[in-house]
PDB file of N, CA and C in Angstrom:
ATOM      1  N   UNK A   1       2.135  -8.907  10.680  1.00  0.00           N
ATOM      2  CA  UNK A   1       2.128  -7.890   9.649  1.00  0.00           C
ATOM      3  C   UNK A   1       2.556  -6.570  10.275  1.00  0.00           C
ATOM      4  N   UNK A   2       3.434  -5.888   9.579  1.00  0.00           N
ATOM      5  CA  UNK A   2       4.011  -4.655  10.091  1.00  0.00           C
ATOM      6  C   UNK A   2       3.574  -3.491   9.200  1.00  0.00           C
ATOM      7  N   UNK A   3       2.438  -2.875   9.554  1.00  0.00           N
ATOM      8  CA  UNK A   3       1.898  -1.771   8.758  1.00  0.00           C
ATOM      9  C   UNK A   3       1.909  -0.493   9.589  1.00  0.00           C
ATOM     10  N   UNK A   4       2.492   0.542   9.020  1.00  0.00           N
ATOM     11  CA  UNK A   4       2.482   1.862   9.646  1.00  0.00           C
ATOM     12  C   UNK A   4       1.556   2.739   8.816  1.00  0.00           C
ATOM     13  N   UNK A   5       0.509   3.266   9.438  1.00  0.00           N
ATOM     14  CA  UNK A   5      -0.463   4.098   8.745  1.00  0.00           C
ATOM     15  C   UNK A   5      -0.313   5.531   9.238  1.00  0.00           C
ATOM     16  N   UNK A   6       0.016   6.421   8.306  1.00  0.00           N
ATOM     17  CA  UNK A   6       0.253   7.821   8.635  1.00  0.00           C
ATOM     18  C   UNK A   6      -0.809   8.667   7.942  1.00  0.00           C
ATOM     19  N   UNK A   7      -1.404   9.613   8.679  1.00  0.00           N
ATOM     20  CA  UNK A   7      -2.431  10.490   8.114  1.00  0.00           C
ATOM     21  C   UNK A   7      -2.020  11.944   8.328  1.00  0.00           C
ATOM     22  N   UNK A   8      -2.078  12.711   7.240  1.00  0.00           N
ATOM     23  CA  UNK A   8      -1.772  14.145   7.325  1.00  0.00           C
ATOM     24  C   UNK A   8      -2.994  14.918   6.865  1.00  0.00           C
ATOM     25  N   UNK A   9      -3.519  15.744   7.731  1.00  0.00           N
ATOM     26  CA  UNK A   9      -4.711  16.551   7.457  1.00  0.00           C
ATOM     27  C   UNK A   9      -5.920  15.694   7.107  1.00  0.00           C
ATOM     28  N   UNK A  10      -5.934  14.455   7.618  1.00  0.00           N
ATOM     29  CA  UNK A  10      -7.021  13.511   7.363  1.00  0.00           C
ATOM     30  C   UNK A  10      -7.284  12.756   8.660  1.00  0.00           C
ATOM     31  N   UNK A  11      -8.541  12.460   8.905  1.00  0.00           N
ATOM     32  CA  UNK A  11      -8.905  11.612  10.042  1.00  0.00           C
ATOM     33  C   UNK A  11      -9.269  10.241   9.490  1.00  0.00           C
ATOM     34  N   UNK A  12      -8.545   9.229   9.952  1.00  0.00           N
ATOM     35  CA  UNK A  12      -8.797   7.865   9.490  1.00  0.00           C
ATOM     36  C   UNK A  12      -9.512   7.116  10.602  1.00  0.00           C
ATOM     37  N   UNK A  13     -10.743   6.690  10.312  1.00  0.00           N
ATOM     38  CA  UNK A  13     -11.519   5.981  11.323  1.00  0.00           C
ATOM     39  C   UNK A  13     -11.184   4.489  11.288  1.00  0.00           C
ATOM     40  N   UNK A  14     -11.769   3.742  12.200  1.00  0.00           N
ATOM     41  CA  UNK A  14     -11.480   2.316  12.332  1.00  0.00           C
ATOM     42  C   UNK A  14     -11.895   1.527  11.087  1.00  0.00           C
ATOM     43  N   UNK A  15     -12.981   1.940  10.448  1.00  0.00           N
ATOM     44  CA  UNK A  15     -13.458   1.239   9.248  1.00  0.00           C
ATOM     45  C   UNK A  15     -12.417   1.312   8.134  1.00  0.00           C
ATOM     46  N   UNK A  16     -11.880   2.502   7.895  1.00  0.00           N
ATOM     47  CA  UNK A  16     -10.872   2.687   6.851  1.00  0.00           C
ATOM     48  C   UNK A  16      -9.589   1.946   7.234  1.00  0.00           C
ATOM     49  N   UNK A  17      -9.210   2.031   8.495  1.00  0.00           N
ATOM     50  CA  UNK A  17      -8.005   1.352   8.975  1.00  0.00           C
ATOM     51  C   UNK A  17      -8.127  -0.162   8.767  1.00  0.00           C
ATOM     52  N   UNK A  18      -9.286  -0.711   9.080  1.00  0.00           N
ATOM     53  CA  UNK A  18      -9.526  -2.136   8.889  1.00  0.00           C
ATOM     54  C   UNK A  18      -9.495  -2.529   7.425  1.00  0.00           C
ATOM     55  N   UNK A  19     -10.049  -1.669   6.590  1.00  0.00           N
ATOM     56  CA  UNK A  19     -10.072  -1.940   5.150  1.00  0.00           C
ATOM     57  C   UNK A  19      -8.655  -1.961   4.577  1.00  0.00           C
ATOM     58  N   UNK A  20      -7.828  -1.017   5.020  1.00  0.00           N
ATOM     59  CA  UNK A  20      -6.439  -0.961   4.572  1.00  0.00           C
ATOM     60  C   UNK A  20      -5.697  -2.225   5.001  1.00  0.00           C
ATOM     61  N   UNK A  21      -5.851  -2.601   6.250  1.00  0.00           N
ATOM     62  CA  UNK A  21      -5.187  -3.802   6.750  1.00  0.00           C
ATOM     63  C   UNK A  21      -5.633  -5.042   5.987  1.00  0.00           C
ATOM     64  N   UNK A  22      -6.918  -5.139   5.712  1.00  0.00           N
ATOM     65  CA  UNK A  22      -7.450  -6.303   5.005  1.00  0.00           C
ATOM     66  C   UNK A  22      -6.863  -6.398   3.595  1.00  0.00           C
ATOM     67  N   UNK A  23      -6.809  -5.283   2.883  1.00  0.00           N
ATOM     68  CA  UNK A  23      -6.298  -5.298   1.519  1.00  0.00           C
ATOM     69  C   UNK A  23      -4.790  -5.554   1.485  1.00  0.00           C
ATOM     70  N   UNK A  24      -4.056  -4.955   2.422  1.00  0.00           N
ATOM     71  CA  UNK A  24      -2.614  -5.171   2.450  1.00  0.00           C
ATOM     72  C   UNK A  24      -2.286  -6.588   2.914  1.00  0.00           C
ATOM     73  N   UNK A  25      -3.104  -7.141   3.762  1.00  0.00           N
ATOM     74  CA  UNK A  25      -2.907  -8.511   4.217  1.00  0.00           C
ATOM     75  C   UNK A  25      -2.985  -9.482   3.038  1.00  0.00           C
ATOM     76  N   UNK A  26      -3.865  -9.197   2.106  1.00  0.00           N
ATOM     77  CA  UNK A  26      -4.013 -10.025   0.911  1.00  0.00           C
ATOM     78  C   UNK A  26      -2.704 -10.050   0.104  1.00  0.00           C
ATOM     79  N   UNK A  27      -2.024  -8.915   0.037  1.00  0.00           N
ATOM     80  CA  UNK A  27      -0.742  -8.847  -0.658  1.00  0.00           C
ATOM     81  C   UNK A  27       0.325  -9.591   0.138  1.00  0.00           C
ATOM     82  N   UNK A  28       0.329  -9.405   1.447  1.00  0.00           N
ATOM     83  CA  UNK A  28       1.354  -9.996   2.303  1.00  0.00           C
ATOM     84  C   UNK A  28       1.261 -11.514   2.383  1.00  0.00           C
ATOM     85  N   UNK A  29       0.099 -12.073   2.068  1.00  0.00           N
ATOM     86  CA  UNK A  29      -0.047 -13.522   2.109  1.00  0.00           C
ATOM     87  C   UNK A  29       0.843 -14.194   1.080  1.00  0.00           C
ATOM     88  N   UNK A  30       1.208 -13.484   0.036  1.00  0.00           N
ATOM     89  CA  UNK A  30       2.029 -14.054  -1.033  1.00  0.00           C
ATOM     90  C   UNK A  30       3.501 -14.158  -0.656  1.00  0.00           C
ATOM     91  N   UNK A  31       3.926 -13.407   0.343  1.00  0.00           N
ATOM     92  CA  UNK A  31       5.317 -13.466   0.786  1.00  0.00           C
ATOM     93  C   UNK A  31       5.371 -14.191   2.129  1.00  0.00           C
ATOM     94  N   UNK A  32       6.458 -14.876   2.354  1.00  0.00           N
ATOM     95  CA  UNK A  32       6.575 -15.646   3.587  1.00  0.00           C
ATOM     96  C   UNK A  32       7.420 -14.926   4.631  1.00  0.00           C
ATOM     97  N   UNK A  33       7.771 -13.687   4.351  1.00  0.00           N
ATOM     98  CA  UNK A  33       8.594 -12.907   5.270  1.00  0.00           C
ATOM     99  C   UNK A  33       7.799 -11.721   5.816  1.00  0.00           C
ATOM    100  N   UNK A  34       8.262 -11.204   6.922  1.00  0.00           N
ATOM    101  CA  UNK A  34       7.681  -9.988   7.493  1.00  0.00           C
ATOM    102  C   UNK A  34       8.107  -8.813   6.611  1.00  0.00           C
ATOM    103  N   UNK A  35       7.153  -8.130   6.031  1.00  0.00           N
ATOM    104  CA  UNK A  35       7.431  -7.039   5.103  1.00  0.00           C
ATOM    105  C   UNK A  35       6.999  -5.710   5.726  1.00  0.00           C
ATOM    106  N   UNK A  36       7.952  -4.844   6.058  1.00  0.00           N
ATOM    107  CA  UNK A  36       7.561  -3.542   6.592  1.00  0.00           C
ATOM    108  C   UNK A  36       6.859  -2.709   5.525  1.00  0.00           C
ATOM    109  N   UNK A  37       5.702  -2.187   5.880  1.00  0.00           N
ATOM    110  CA  UNK A  37       4.887  -1.417   4.938  1.00  0.00           C
ATOM    111  C   UNK A  37       4.472  -0.100   5.582  1.00  0.00           C
ATOM    112  N   UNK A  38       4.577   0.971   4.817  1.00  0.00           N
ATOM    113  CA  UNK A  38       4.165   2.287   5.309  1.00  0.00           C
ATOM    114  C   UNK A  38       3.160   2.862   4.322  1.00  0.00           C
ATOM    115  N   UNK A  39       2.006   3.246   4.846  1.00  0.00           N
ATOM    116  CA  UNK A  39       0.984   3.876   4.013  1.00  0.00           C
ATOM    117  C   UNK A  39       0.716   5.270   4.554  1.00  0.00           C
ATOM    118  N   UNK A  40       0.792   6.253   3.662  1.00  0.00           N
ATOM    119  CA  UNK A  40       0.550   7.627   4.057  1.00  0.00           C
ATOM    120  C   UNK A  40      -0.623   8.173   3.254  1.00  0.00           C
ATOM    121  N   UNK A  41      -1.568   8.784   3.945  1.00  0.00           N
ATOM    122  CA  UNK A  41      -2.727   9.403   3.309  1.00  0.00           C
ATOM    123  C   UNK A  41      -2.722  10.872   3.709  1.00  0.00           C
ATOM    124  N   UNK A  42      -2.812  11.736   2.718  1.00  0.00           N
ATOM    125  CA  UNK A  42      -2.836  13.165   3.024  1.00  0.00           C
ATOM    126  C   UNK A  42      -3.842  13.884   2.145  1.00  0.00           C
ATOM    127  N   UNK A  43      -4.289  15.025   2.627  1.00  0.00           N
ATOM    128  CA  UNK A  43      -5.254  15.856   1.917  1.00  0.00           C
ATOM    129  C   UNK A  43      -4.533  17.122   1.478  1.00  0.00           C
ATOM    130  N   UNK A  44      -4.463  17.312   0.165  1.00  0.00           N
ATOM    131  CA  UNK A  44      -3.838  18.512  -0.372  1.00  0.00           C
ATOM    132  C   UNK A  44      -4.779  19.174  -1.359  1.00  0.00           C
ATOM    133  N   UNK A  45      -5.236  20.334  -1.011  1.00  0.00           N
ATOM    134  CA  UNK A  45      -6.110  21.138  -1.870  1.00  0.00           C
ATOM    135  C   UNK A  45      -7.357  20.381  -2.319  1.00  0.00           C
ATOM    136  N   UNK A  46      -7.974  19.671  -1.394  1.00  0.00           N
ATOM    137  CA  UNK A  46      -9.220  18.985  -1.694  1.00  0.00           C
ATOM    138  C   UNK A  46      -9.064  17.650  -2.394  1.00  0.00           C
ATOM    139  N   UNK A  47      -7.840  17.222  -2.614  1.00  0.00           N
ATOM    140  CA  UNK A  47      -7.589  15.916  -3.236  1.00  0.00           C
ATOM    141  C   UNK A  47      -6.808  15.062  -2.246  1.00  0.00           C
ATOM    142  N   UNK A  48      -7.098  13.783  -2.266  1.00  0.00           N
ATOM    143  CA  UNK A  48      -6.444  12.853  -1.349  1.00  0.00           C
ATOM    144  C   UNK A  48      -5.318  12.130  -2.084  1.00  0.00           C
ATOM    145  N   UNK A  49      -4.179  12.078  -1.434  1.00  0.00           N
ATOM    146  CA  UNK A  49      -3.018  11.384  -1.984  1.00  0.00           C
ATOM    147  C   UNK A  49      -2.686  10.231  -1.043  1.00  0.00           C
ATOM    148  N   UNK A  50      -2.665   9.021  -1.595  1.00  0.00           N
ATOM    149  CA  UNK A  50      -2.309   7.833  -0.827  1.00  0.00           C
ATOM    150  C   UNK A  50      -1.032   7.265  -1.424  1.00  0.00           C
ATOM    151  N   UNK A  51      -0.044   7.020  -0.574  1.00  0.00           N
ATOM    152  CA  UNK A  51       1.196   6.434  -1.061  1.00  0.00           C
ATOM    153  C   UNK A  51       1.597   5.271  -0.159  1.00  0.00           C
ATOM    154  N   UNK A  52       2.147   4.233  -0.777  1.00  0.00           N
ATOM    155  CA  UNK A  52       2.542   3.023  -0.070  1.00  0.00           C
ATOM    156  C   UNK A  52       4.007   2.750  -0.382  1.00  0.00           C
ATOM    157  N   UNK A  53       4.747   2.386   0.663  1.00  0.00           N
ATOM    158  CA  UNK A  53       6.127   1.966   0.507  1.00  0.00           C
ATOM    159  C   UNK A  53       6.272   0.612   1.185  1.00  0.00           C
ATOM    160  N   UNK A  54       6.724  -0.375   0.413  1.00  0.00           N
ATOM    161  CA  UNK A  54       6.936  -1.726   0.929  1.00  0.00           C
ATOM    162  C   UNK A  54       8.386  -2.120   0.684  1.00  0.00           C
ATOM    163  N   UNK A  55       9.029  -2.669   1.704  1.00  0.00           N
ATOM    164  CA  UNK A  55      10.402  -3.139   1.571  1.00  0.00           C
ATOM    165  C   UNK A  55      10.380  -4.653   1.452  1.00  0.00           C
ATOM    166  N   UNK A  56      10.548  -5.142   0.233  1.00  0.00           N
ATOM    167  CA  UNK A  56      10.589  -6.579  -0.005  1.00  0.00           C
ATOM    168  C   UNK A  56      12.020  -6.956  -0.362  1.00  0.00           C
ATOM    169  N   UNK A  57      12.312  -8.220  -0.315  1.00  0.00           N
ATOM    170  CA  UNK A  57      13.656  -8.706  -0.572  1.00  0.00           C
ATOM    171  C   UNK A  57      14.116  -8.286  -1.963  1.00  0.00           C
ATOM    172  N   UNK A  58      15.175  -7.491  -1.999  1.00  0.00           N
ATOM    173  CA  UNK A  58      15.748  -7.083  -3.270  1.00  0.00           C
ATOM    174  C   UNK A  58      15.158  -5.838  -3.888  1.00  0.00           C
ATOM    175  N   UNK A  59      14.135  -5.253  -3.268  1.00  0.00           N
ATOM    176  CA  UNK A  59      13.488  -4.106  -3.908  1.00  0.00           C
ATOM    177  C   UNK A  59      12.636  -3.325  -2.920  1.00  0.00           C
ATOM    178  N   UNK A  60      12.402  -2.070  -3.266  1.00  0.00           N
ATOM    179  CA  UNK A  60      11.460  -1.242  -2.531  1.00  0.00           C
ATOM    180  C   UNK A  60      10.320  -0.901  -3.486  1.00  0.00           C
ATOM    181  N   UNK A  61       9.111  -1.245  -3.098  1.00  0.00           N
ATOM    182  CA  UNK A  61       7.938  -0.991  -3.930  1.00  0.00           C
ATOM    183  C   UNK A  61       7.288   0.293  -3.454  1.00  0.00           C
ATOM    184  N   UNK A  62       7.084   1.221  -4.385  1.00  0.00           N
ATOM    185  CA  UNK A  62       6.467   2.506  -4.065  1.00  0.00           C
ATOM    186  C   UNK A  62       5.304   2.723  -5.026  1.00  0.00           C
ATOM    187  N   UNK A  63       4.128   3.005  -4.469  1.00  0.00           N
ATOM    188  CA  UNK A  63       2.942   3.266  -5.285  1.00  0.00           C
ATOM    189  C   UNK A  63       2.220   4.482  -4.728  1.00  0.00           C
ATOM    190  N   UNK A  64       1.702   5.313  -5.618  1.00  0.00           N
ATOM    191  CA  UNK A  64       1.012   6.530  -5.200  1.00  0.00           C
ATOM    192  C   UNK A  64      -0.203   6.749  -6.082  1.00  0.00           C
ATOM    193  N   UNK A  65      -1.280   7.252  -5.468  1.00  0.00           N
ATOM    194  CA  UNK A  65      -2.503   7.561  -6.209  1.00  0.00           C
ATOM    195  C   UNK A  65      -3.118   8.836  -5.651  1.00  0.00           C
ATOM    196  N   UNK A  66      -3.746   9.601  -6.532  1.00  0.00           N
ATOM    197  CA  UNK A  66      -4.396  10.852  -6.143  1.00  0.00           C
ATOM    198  C   UNK A  66      -5.820  10.854  -6.681  1.00  0.00           C
ATOM    199  N   UNK A  67      -6.784  11.052  -5.797  1.00  0.00           N
ATOM    200  CA  UNK A  67      -8.197  11.053  -6.178  1.00  0.00           C
ATOM    201  C   UNK A  67      -8.953  12.071  -5.329  1.00  0.00           C
ATOM    202  N   UNK A  68     -10.190  12.348  -5.716  1.00  0.00           N
ATOM    203  CA  UNK A  68     -11.057  13.225  -4.928  1.00  0.00           C
ATOM    204  C   UNK A  68     -11.631  12.511  -3.720  1.00  0.00           C
ATOM    205  N   UNK A  69     -11.772  11.197  -3.813  1.00  0.00           N
ATOM    206  CA  UNK A  69     -12.318  10.384  -2.725  1.00  0.00           C
ATOM    207  C   UNK A  69     -11.168   9.641  -2.047  1.00  0.00           C
ATOM    208  N   UNK A  70     -11.114   9.683  -0.712  1.00  0.00           N
ATOM    209  CA  UNK A  70     -10.023   9.064   0.030  1.00  0.00           C
ATOM    210  C   UNK A  70      -9.964   7.557  -0.188  1.00  0.00           C
ATOM    211  N   UNK A  71     -11.117   6.886  -0.156  1.00  0.00           N
ATOM    212  CA  UNK A  71     -11.129   5.433  -0.310  1.00  0.00           C
ATOM    213  C   UNK A  71     -10.686   5.020  -1.708  1.00  0.00           C
ATOM    214  N   UNK A  72     -11.047   5.786  -2.716  1.00  0.00           N
ATOM    215  CA  UNK A  72     -10.602   5.483  -4.076  1.00  0.00           C
ATOM    216  C   UNK A  72      -9.090   5.629  -4.200  1.00  0.00           C
ATOM    217  N   UNK A  73      -8.540   6.661  -3.575  1.00  0.00           N
ATOM    218  CA  UNK A  73      -7.087   6.862  -3.610  1.00  0.00           C
ATOM    219  C   UNK A  73      -6.367   5.704  -2.920  1.00  0.00           C
ATOM    220  N   UNK A  74      -6.901   5.270  -1.787  1.00  0.00           N
ATOM    221  CA  UNK A  74      -6.291   4.157  -1.053  1.00  0.00           C
ATOM    222  C   UNK A  74      -6.364   2.878  -1.883  1.00  0.00           C
ATOM    223  N   UNK A  75      -7.531   2.590  -2.432  1.00  0.00           N
ATOM    224  CA  UNK A  75      -7.702   1.373  -3.231  1.00  0.00           C
ATOM    225  C   UNK A  75      -6.779   1.366  -4.452  1.00  0.00           C
ATOM    226  N   UNK A  76      -6.689   2.498  -5.124  1.00  0.00           N
ATOM    227  CA  UNK A  76      -5.853   2.577  -6.318  1.00  0.00           C
ATOM    228  C   UNK A  76      -4.375   2.391  -5.971  1.00  0.00           C
ATOM    229  N   UNK A  77      -3.925   2.996  -4.876  1.00  0.00           N
ATOM    230  CA  UNK A  77      -2.525   2.849  -4.458  1.00  0.00           C
ATOM    231  C   UNK A  77      -2.224   1.399  -4.098  1.00  0.00           C
ATOM    232  N   UNK A  78      -3.148   0.749  -3.403  1.00  0.00           N
ATOM    233  CA  UNK A  78      -2.942  -0.653  -3.037  1.00  0.00           C
ATOM    234  C   UNK A  78      -2.921  -1.529  -4.282  1.00  0.00           C
ATOM    235  N   UNK A  79      -3.785  -1.267  -5.241  1.00  0.00           N
ATOM    236  CA  UNK A  79      -3.790  -2.035  -6.485  1.00  0.00           C
ATOM    237  C   UNK A  79      -2.472  -1.868  -7.250  1.00  0.00           C
ATOM    238  N   UNK A  80      -1.958  -0.646  -7.286  1.00  0.00           N
ATOM    239  CA  UNK A  80      -0.678  -0.403  -7.953  1.00  0.00           C
ATOM    240  C   UNK A  80       0.448  -1.160  -7.254  1.00  0.00           C
ATOM    241  N   UNK A  81       0.453  -1.121  -5.928  1.00  0.00           N
ATOM    242  CA  UNK A  81       1.487  -1.842  -5.169  1.00  0.00           C
ATOM    243  C   UNK A  81       1.370  -3.350  -5.399  1.00  0.00           C
ATOM    244  N   UNK A  82       0.144  -3.834  -5.491  1.00  0.00           N
ATOM    245  CA  UNK A  82      -0.084  -5.258  -5.731  1.00  0.00           C
ATOM    246  C   UNK A  82       0.482  -5.670  -7.087  1.00  0.00           C
ATOM    247  N   UNK A  83       0.244  -4.880  -8.113  1.00  0.00           N
ATOM    248  CA  UNK A  83       0.768  -5.192  -9.445  1.00  0.00           C
ATOM    249  C   UNK A  83       2.301  -5.190  -9.448  1.00  0.00           C
ATOM    250  N   UNK A  84       2.889  -4.210  -8.772  1.00  0.00           N
ATOM    251  CA  UNK A  84       4.345  -4.149  -8.702  1.00  0.00           C
ATOM    252  C   UNK A  84       4.909  -5.350  -7.938  1.00  0.00           C
ATOM    253  N   UNK A  85       4.215  -5.730  -6.862  1.00  0.00           N
ATOM    254  CA  UNK A  85       4.669  -6.867  -6.067  1.00  0.00           C
ATOM    255  C   UNK A  85       4.607  -8.159  -6.878  1.00  0.00           C
ATOM    256  N   UNK A  86       3.528  -8.360  -7.624  1.00  0.00           N
ATOM    257  CA  UNK A  86       3.392  -9.551  -8.462  1.00  0.00           C
ATOM    258  C   UNK A  86       4.506  -9.599  -9.510  1.00  0.00           C
ATOM    259  N   UNK A  87       4.781  -8.466 -10.134  1.00  0.00           N
ATOM    260  CA  UNK A  87       5.818  -8.402 -11.154  1.00  0.00           C
ATOM    261  C   UNK A  87       7.185  -8.741 -10.550  1.00  0.00           C
ATOM    262  N   UNK A  88       7.484  -8.194  -9.384  1.00  0.00           N
ATOM    263  CA  UNK A  88       8.745  -8.471  -8.697  1.00  0.00           C
ATOM    264  C   UNK A  88       8.838  -9.951  -8.329  1.00  0.00           C
ATOM    265  N   UNK A  89       7.767 -10.503  -7.803  1.00  0.00           N
ATOM    266  CA  UNK A  89       7.743 -11.911  -7.403  1.00  0.00           C
ATOM    267  C   UNK A  89       7.978 -12.812  -8.605  1.00  0.00           C
ATOM    268  N   UNK A  90       7.343 -12.503  -9.725  1.00  0.00           N
ATOM    269  CA  UNK A  90       7.513 -13.307 -10.934  1.00  0.00           C
ATOM    270  C   UNK A  90       8.955 -13.238 -11.449  1.00  0.00           C
ATOM    271  N   UNK A  91       9.566 -12.063 -11.382  1.00  0.00           N
ATOM    272  CA  UNK A  91      10.962 -11.924 -11.796  1.00  0.00           C
ATOM    273  C   UNK A  91      11.881 -12.751 -10.909  1.00  0.00           C
ATOM    274  N   UNK A  92      11.623 -12.725  -9.616  1.00  0.00           N
ATOM    275  CA  UNK A  92      12.452 -13.485  -8.673  1.00  0.00           C
ATOM    276  C   UNK A  92      12.304 -14.984  -8.921  1.00  0.00           C
ATOM    277  N   UNK A  93      11.132 -15.439  -9.281  1.00  0.00           N
ATOM    278  CA  UNK A  93      10.912 -16.862  -9.541  1.00  0.00           C
ATOM    279  C   UNK A  93      11.625 -17.307 -10.814  1.00  0.00           C
ATOM    280  N   UNK A  94      11.632 -16.461 -11.836  1.00  0.00           N
ATOM    281  CA  UNK A  94      12.265 -16.858 -13.098  1.00  0.00           C
ATOM    282  C   UNK A  94      13.791 -16.839 -13.011  1.00  0.00           C
ATOM    283  N   UNK A  95      14.348 -16.084 -12.073  1.00  0.00           N
ATOM    284  CA  UNK A  95      15.801 -16.041 -11.897  1.00  0.00           C
ATOM    285  C   UNK A  95      16.341 -17.339 -11.307  1.00  0.00           C
ATOM    286  N   UNK A  96      15.513 -18.064 -10.614  1.00  0.00           N
ATOM    287  CA  UNK A  96      15.978 -19.293  -9.951  1.00  0.00           C
ATOM    288  C   UNK A  96      16.263 -20.354 -10.905  1.00  0.00           C
TER     289      UNK A  96
END
């Protein structure tokens, strides 16, 4: 798994890092290829913004969430990316 975790004005401890890897791993299990993934978490004016960029075959999936709690922002962004990934996968299957 190829995950790049970037933090701006935020300190990400091992617990959060492990949680991110665990949730993204669940998404990556559905694809049989190495998928480069970049997750960026930043703090802007007391709100946390989490954004994910995944490069999958035929598409780039981008999801972003903004919340007051860092973990909620991360979870919401991952859920959005998961929904987009499922939709893309289903489209690719029906084209065959």
